[in-house]
C-alpha cells in the first residue's frame, strides 16, 4: 500500500483582543498617574504642615475721637 501524505492546519481565532486589552491597561495606568500628579500629592502622607508668618497691623481710629 502506498502511504499518503497528510497535512493538518489548525487555526484559532483569538478575537484580536490581546493588543486592545494591553493598550487599554497602559492607557488607564497613564491616566491614573497624571491624576495623581495633579491632585494627589497631599493624599499620601497627609501633606506637610507649614508655618505661616503673617505680620499684620490694623490701624483703628481712637475711641471718642470727636465728632460734631
PDB file of N, CA and C in Angstrom:
ATOM      1  N   UNK A   1       0.815  -1.171   0.000  1.00  0.00           N
ATOM      2  CA  UNK A   1       0.000   0.000   0.000  1.00  0.00           C
ATOM      3  C   UNK A   1       0.865   1.244   0.000  1.00  0.00           C
ATOM      4  N   UNK A   2       0.362   2.227  -0.677  1.00  0.00           N
ATOM      5  CA  UNK A   2       1.093   3.484  -0.756  1.00  0.00           C
ATOM      6  C   UNK A   2       0.644   4.379   0.400  1.00  0.00           C
ATOM      7  N   UNK A   3       1.630   5.024   1.011  1.00  0.00           N
ATOM      8  CA  UNK A   3       1.306   5.937   2.111  1.00  0.00           C
ATOM      9  C   UNK A   3       0.942   7.301   1.550  1.00  0.00           C
ATOM     10  N   UNK A   4      -0.068   7.886   2.112  1.00  0.00           N
ATOM     11  CA  UNK A   4      -0.491   9.200   1.664  1.00  0.00           C
ATOM     12  C   UNK A   4       0.042  10.245   2.621  1.00  0.00           C
ATOM     13  N   UNK A   5       0.472  11.326   2.056  1.00  0.00           N
ATOM     14  CA  UNK A   5       0.959  12.427   2.874  1.00  0.00           C
ATOM     15  C   UNK A   5      -0.231  13.265   3.312  1.00  0.00           C
ATOM     16  N   UNK A   6      -0.245  13.606   4.602  1.00  0.00           N
ATOM     17  CA  UNK A   6      -1.385  14.316   5.129  1.00  0.00           C
ATOM     18  C   UNK A   6      -0.889  15.540   5.903  1.00  0.00           C
ATOM     19  N   UNK A   7      -1.518  16.659   5.651  1.00  0.00           N
ATOM     20  CA  UNK A   7      -1.136  17.901   6.334  1.00  0.00           C
ATOM     21  C   UNK A   7      -2.380  18.459   7.020  1.00  0.00           C
ATOM     22  N   UNK A   8      -2.225  18.777   8.323  1.00  0.00           N
ATOM     23  CA  UNK A   8      -3.336  19.318   9.087  1.00  0.00           C
ATOM     24  C   UNK A   8      -2.957  20.719   9.560  1.00  0.00           C
ATOM     25  N   UNK A   9      -3.802  21.677   9.275  1.00  0.00           N
ATOM     26  CA  UNK A   9      -3.574  23.058   9.702  1.00  0.00           C
ATOM     27  C   UNK A   9      -4.636  23.401  10.726  1.00  0.00           C
ATOM     28  N   UNK A  10      -4.158  23.821  11.925  1.00  0.00           N
ATOM     29  CA  UNK A  10      -5.088  24.198  12.988  1.00  0.00           C
ATOM     30  C   UNK A  10      -4.958  25.697  13.209  1.00  0.00           C
ATOM     31  N   UNK A  11      -6.079  26.373  13.102  1.00  0.00           N
ATOM     32  CA  UNK A  11      -6.074  27.811  13.336  1.00  0.00           C
ATOM     33  C   UNK A  11      -7.029  28.119  14.486  1.00  0.00           C
ATOM     34  N   UNK A  12      -6.651  29.100  15.266  1.00  0.00           N
ATOM     35  CA  UNK A  12      -7.523  29.524  16.358  1.00  0.00           C
ATOM     36  C   UNK A  12      -7.853  30.989  16.166  1.00  0.00           C
ATOM     37  N   UNK A  13      -9.025  31.365  16.586  1.00  0.00           N
ATOM     38  CA  UNK A  13      -9.463  32.744  16.478  1.00  0.00           C
ATOM     39  C   UNK A  13      -9.296  33.394  17.844  1.00  0.00           C
ATOM     40  N   UNK A  14      -8.302  34.278  17.966  1.00  0.00           N
ATOM     41  CA  UNK A  14      -8.057  34.927  19.255  1.00  0.00           C
ATOM     42  C   UNK A  14      -8.960  36.133  19.437  1.00  0.00           C
ATOM     43  N   UNK A  15      -9.625  36.565  18.425  1.00  0.00           N
ATOM     44  CA  UNK A  15     -10.530  37.692  18.527  1.00  0.00           C
ATOM     45  C   UNK A  15      -9.828  39.032  18.472  1.00  0.00           C
ATOM     46  N   UNK A  16      -8.522  39.064  18.442  1.00  0.00           N
ATOM     47  CA  UNK A  16      -7.782  40.314  18.363  1.00  0.00           C
ATOM     48  C   UNK A  16      -7.861  41.154  19.634  1.00  0.00           C
ATOM     49  N   UNK A  17      -8.142  40.553  20.759  1.00  0.00           N
ATOM     50  CA  UNK A  17      -8.319  41.300  21.995  1.00  0.00           C
ATOM     51  C   UNK A  17      -7.002  41.543  22.721  1.00  0.00           C
ATOM     52  N   UNK A  18      -5.979  40.801  22.462  1.00  0.00           N
ATOM     53  CA  UNK A  18      -4.723  40.919  23.195  1.00  0.00           C
ATOM     54  C   UNK A  18      -4.113  42.299  23.099  1.00  0.00           C
ATOM     55  N   UNK A  19      -3.997  42.836  21.910  1.00  0.00           N
ATOM     56  CA  UNK A  19      -3.414  44.157  21.716  1.00  0.00           C
ATOM     57  C   UNK A  19      -4.290  45.263  22.262  1.00  0.00           C
ATOM     58  N   UNK A  20      -5.584  45.149  22.064  1.00  0.00           N
ATOM     59  CA  UNK A  20      -6.509  46.159  22.559  1.00  0.00           C
ATOM     60  C   UNK A  20      -6.563  46.202  24.074  1.00  0.00           C
ATOM     61  N   UNK A  21      -6.524  45.040  24.704  1.00  0.00           N
ATOM     62  CA  UNK A  21      -6.556  44.978  26.163  1.00  0.00           C
ATOM     63  C   UNK A  21      -5.280  45.568  26.741  1.00  0.00           C
ATOM     64  N   UNK A  22      -4.161  45.249  26.167  1.00  0.00           N
ATOM     65  CA  UNK A  22      -2.889  45.784  26.636  1.00  0.00           C
ATOM     66  C   UNK A  22      -2.856  47.301  26.480  1.00  0.00           C
ATOM     67  N   UNK A  23      -3.343  47.799  25.373  1.00  0.00           N
ATOM     68  CA  UNK A  23      -3.384  49.237  25.148  1.00  0.00           C
ATOM     69  C   UNK A  23      -4.304  49.916  26.154  1.00  0.00           C
ATOM     70  N   UNK A  24      -5.450  49.314  26.455  1.00  0.00           N
ATOM     71  CA  UNK A  24      -6.385  49.889  27.425  1.00  0.00           C
ATOM     72  C   UNK A  24      -5.777  49.934  28.824  1.00  0.00           C
ATOM     73  N   UNK A  25      -5.059  48.900  29.226  1.00  0.00           N
ATOM     74  CA  UNK A  25      -4.431  48.868  30.544  1.00  0.00           C
ATOM     75  C   UNK A  25      -3.340  49.925  30.647  1.00  0.00           C
ATOM     76  N   UNK A  26      -2.517  50.064  29.632  1.00  0.00           N
ATOM     77  CA  UNK A  26      -1.454  51.069  29.644  1.00  0.00           C
ATOM     78  C   UNK A  26      -2.058  52.475  29.675  1.00  0.00           C
ATOM     79  N   UNK A  27      -3.109  52.700  28.918  1.00  0.00           N
ATOM     80  CA  UNK A  27      -3.773  54.000  28.908  1.00  0.00           C
ATOM     81  C   UNK A  27      -4.394  54.318  30.262  1.00  0.00           C
ATOM     82  N   UNK A  28      -5.006  53.343  30.905  1.00  0.00           N
ATOM     83  CA  UNK A  28      -5.599  53.538  32.225  1.00  0.00           C
ATOM     84  C   UNK A  28      -4.528  53.878  33.264  1.00  0.00           C
ATOM     85  N   UNK A  29      -3.406  53.200  33.227  1.00  0.00           N
ATOM     86  CA  UNK A  29      -2.316  53.491  34.165  1.00  0.00           C
ATOM     87  C   UNK A  29      -1.777  54.894  33.932  1.00  0.00           C
ATOM     88  N   UNK A  30      -1.636  55.296  32.680  1.00  0.00           N
ATOM     89  CA  UNK A  30      -1.141  56.643  32.381  1.00  0.00           C
ATOM     90  C   UNK A  30      -2.103  57.709  32.900  1.00  0.00           C
ATOM     91  N   UNK A  31      -3.398  57.490  32.748  1.00  0.00           N
ATOM     92  CA  UNK A  31      -4.390  58.458  33.240  1.00  0.00           C
ATOM     93  C   UNK A  31      -4.338  58.540  34.757  1.00  0.00           C
ATOM     94  N   UNK A  32      -4.207  57.402  35.433  1.00  0.00           N
ATOM     95  CA  UNK A  32      -4.135  57.405  36.892  1.00  0.00           C
ATOM     96  C   UNK A  32      -2.887  58.124  37.393  1.00  0.00           C
ATOM     97  N   UNK A  33      -1.769  57.950  36.716  1.00  0.00           N
ATOM     98  CA  UNK A  33      -0.532  58.635  37.110  1.00  0.00           C
ATOM     99  C   UNK A  33      -0.692  60.144  36.948  1.00  0.00           C
ATOM    100  N   UNK A  34      -1.276  60.579  35.852  1.00  0.00           N
ATOM    101  CA  UNK A  34      -1.470  62.015  35.625  1.00  0.00           C
ATOM    102  C   UNK A  34      -2.414  62.596  36.675  1.00  0.00           C
ATOM    103  N   UNK A  35      -3.502  61.904  36.989  1.00  0.00           N
ATOM    104  CA  UNK A  35      -4.428  62.392  38.007  1.00  0.00           C
ATOM    105  C   UNK A  35      -3.772  62.458  39.379  1.00  0.00           C
ATOM    106  N   UNK A  36      -2.929  61.482  39.695  1.00  0.00           N
ATOM    107  CA  UNK A  36      -2.230  61.508  40.974  1.00  0.00           C
ATOM    108  C   UNK A  36      -1.274  62.688  41.045  1.00  0.00           C
ATOM    109  N   UNK A  37      -0.570  62.948  39.965  1.00  0.00           N
ATOM    110  CA  UNK A  37       0.378  64.058  39.980  1.00  0.00           C
ATOM    111  C   UNK A  37      -0.333  65.404  40.059  1.00  0.00           C
ATOM    112  N   UNK A  38      -1.528  65.498  39.501  1.00  0.00           N
ATOM    113  CA  UNK A  38      -2.257  66.761  39.543  1.00  0.00           C
ATOM    114  C   UNK A  38      -2.950  66.990  40.876  1.00  0.00           C
ATOM    115  N   UNK A  39      -3.600  65.958  41.415  1.00  0.00           N
ATOM    116  CA  UNK A  39      -4.473  66.153  42.566  1.00  0.00           C
ATOM    117  C   UNK A  39      -4.032  65.421  43.825  1.00  0.00           C
ATOM    118  N   UNK A  40      -3.196  64.430  43.728  1.00  0.00           N
ATOM    119  CA  UNK A  40      -2.975  63.551  44.867  1.00  0.00           C
ATOM    120  C   UNK A  40      -1.706  63.752  45.646  1.00  0.00           C
ATOM    121  N   UNK A  41      -1.012  64.826  45.460  1.00  0.00           N
ATOM    122  CA  UNK A  41       0.259  64.996  46.163  1.00  0.00           C
ATOM    123  C   UNK A  41       0.077  65.055  47.669  1.00  0.00           C
ATOM    124  N   UNK A  42      -1.014  65.604  48.172  1.00  0.00           N
ATOM    125  CA  UNK A  42      -1.228  65.698  49.604  1.00  0.00           C
ATOM    126  C   UNK A  42      -1.972  64.508  50.184  1.00  0.00           C
ATOM    127  N   UNK A  43      -2.431  63.584  49.340  1.00  0.00           N
ATOM    128  CA  UNK A  43      -3.216  62.464  49.827  1.00  0.00           C
ATOM    129  C   UNK A  43      -2.364  61.440  50.553  1.00  0.00           C
ATOM    130  N   UNK A  44      -1.173  61.184  50.069  1.00  0.00           N
ATOM    131  CA  UNK A  44      -0.289  60.219  50.717  1.00  0.00           C
ATOM    132  C   UNK A  44       0.626  60.987  51.658  1.00  0.00           C
ATOM    133  N   UNK A  45       0.656  60.598  52.910  1.00  0.00           N
ATOM    134  CA  UNK A  45       1.492  61.270  53.897  1.00  0.00           C
ATOM    135  C   UNK A  45       0.796  62.449  54.545  1.00  0.00           C
ATOM    136  N   UNK A  46      -0.408  62.772  54.149  1.00  0.00           N
ATOM    137  CA  UNK A  46      -1.176  63.818  54.781  1.00  0.00           C
ATOM    138  C   UNK A  46      -0.707  65.222  54.492  1.00  0.00           C
ATOM    139  N   UNK A  47       0.277  65.397  53.669  1.00  0.00           N
ATOM    140  CA  UNK A  47       0.772  66.734  53.373  1.00  0.00           C
ATOM    141  C   UNK A  47       1.531  67.300  54.559  1.00  0.00           C
ATOM    142  N   UNK A  48       2.367  68.230  54.330  1.00  0.00           N
ATOM    143  CA  UNK A  48       3.143  68.828  55.409  1.00  0.00           C
ATOM    144  C   UNK A  48       2.420  70.018  56.007  1.00  0.00           C
ATOM    145  N   UNK A  49       2.685  70.249  57.275  1.00  0.00           N
ATOM    146  CA  UNK A  49       2.138  71.450  57.897  1.00  0.00           C
ATOM    147  C   UNK A  49       3.170  72.548  57.738  1.00  0.00           C
ATOM    148  N   UNK A  50       2.734  73.651  57.248  1.00  0.00           N
ATOM    149  CA  UNK A  50       3.635  74.770  57.008  1.00  0.00           C
ATOM    150  C   UNK A  50       3.307  75.894  57.975  1.00  0.00           C
ATOM    151  N   UNK A  51       4.333  76.532  58.507  1.00  0.00           N
ATOM    152  CA  UNK A  51       4.142  77.661  59.396  1.00  0.00           C
ATOM    153  C   UNK A  51       4.045  78.915  58.541  1.00  0.00           C
ATOM    154  N   UNK A  52       3.003  79.676  58.776  1.00  0.00           N
ATOM    155  CA  UNK A  52       2.809  80.899  58.020  1.00  0.00           C
ATOM    156  C   UNK A  52       3.032  82.064  58.967  1.00  0.00           C
ATOM    157  N   UNK A  53       4.037  82.865  58.681  1.00  0.00           N
ATOM    158  CA  UNK A  53       4.314  84.051  59.477  1.00  0.00           C
ATOM    159  C   UNK A  53       3.638  85.235  58.817  1.00  0.00           C
ATOM    160  N   UNK A  54       2.666  85.799  59.507  1.00  0.00           N
ATOM    161  CA  UNK A  54       1.952  86.951  58.975  1.00  0.00           C
ATOM    162  C   UNK A  54       2.063  88.091  59.982  1.00  0.00           C
ATOM    163  N   UNK A  55       2.676  89.161  59.575  1.00  0.00           N
ATOM    164  CA  UNK A  55       2.799  90.336  60.427  1.00  0.00           C
ATOM    165  C   UNK A  55       1.775  91.353  59.942  1.00  0.00           C
ATOM    166  N   UNK A  56       0.635  91.405  60.637  1.00  0.00           N
ATOM    167  CA  UNK A  56      -0.469  92.249  60.204  1.00  0.00           C
ATOM    168  C   UNK A  56      -0.701  93.311  61.266  1.00  0.00           C
ATOM    169  N   UNK A  57      -0.764  94.554  60.832  1.00  0.00           N
ATOM    170  CA  UNK A  57      -1.117  95.627  61.766  1.00  0.00           C
ATOM    171  C   UNK A  57      -2.345  96.331  61.231  1.00  0.00           C
ATOM    172  N   UNK A  58      -3.305  96.548  62.119  1.00  0.00           N
ATOM    173  CA  UNK A  58      -4.537  97.212  61.727  1.00  0.00           C
ATOM    174  C   UNK A  58      -4.638  98.503  62.522  1.00  0.00           C
ATOM    175  N   UNK A  59      -4.682  99.627  61.845  1.00  0.00           N
ATOM    176  CA  UNK A  59      -4.803 100.936  62.487  1.00  0.00           C
ATOM    177  C   UNK A  59      -6.265 101.309  62.574  1.00  0.00           C
ATOM    178  N   UNK A  60      -6.741 101.443  63.805  1.00  0.00           N
ATOM    179  CA  UNK A  60      -8.131 101.848  64.014  1.00  0.00           C
ATOM    180  C   UNK A  60      -8.150 103.234  64.635  1.00  0.00           C
ATOM    181  N   UNK A  61      -9.160 104.018  64.381  1.00  0.00           N
ATOM    182  CA  UNK A  61      -9.233 105.347  64.989  1.00  0.00           C
ATOM    183  C   UNK A  61      -9.456 105.237  66.500  1.00  0.00           C
ATOM    184  N   UNK A  62      -8.935 106.201  67.236  1.00  0.00           N
ATOM    185  CA  UNK A  62      -9.067 106.194  68.683  1.00  0.00           C
ATOM    186  C   UNK A  62     -10.531 106.442  69.066  1.00  0.00           C
ATOM    187  N   UNK A  63     -11.014 105.798  70.128  1.00  0.00           N
ATOM    188  CA  UNK A  63     -12.398 105.987  70.546  1.00  0.00           C
ATOM    189  C   UNK A  63     -12.619 107.418  71.060  1.00  0.00           C
ATOM    190  N   UNK A  64     -13.793 107.946  70.831  1.00  0.00           N
ATOM    191  CA  UNK A  64     -14.129 109.287  71.283  1.00  0.00           C
ATOM    192  C   UNK A  64     -13.362 110.351  70.529  1.00  0.00           C
ATOM    193  N   UNK A  65     -13.111 110.097  69.309  1.00  0.00           N
ATOM    194  CA  UNK A  65     -12.279 110.981  68.508  1.00  0.00           C
ATOM    195  C   UNK A  65     -12.949 112.277  68.135  1.00  0.00           C
ATOM    196  N   UNK A  66     -14.005 112.592  68.641  1.00  0.00           N
ATOM    197  CA  UNK A  66     -14.620 113.879  68.364  1.00  0.00           C
ATOM    198  C   UNK A  66     -15.457 113.864  67.119  1.00  0.00           C
ATOM    199  N   UNK A  67     -16.524 114.370  67.193  1.00  0.00           N
ATOM    200  CA  UNK A  67     -17.425 114.464  66.069  1.00  0.00           C
ATOM    201  C   UNK A  67     -18.202 115.739  66.202  1.00  0.00           C
ATOM    202  N   UNK A  68     -19.229 115.897  65.456  1.00  0.00           N
ATOM    203  CA  UNK A  68     -19.951 117.142  65.571  1.00  0.00           C
ATOM    204  C   UNK A  68     -21.007 117.116  66.622  1.00  0.00           C
TER     205      UNK A  68
END
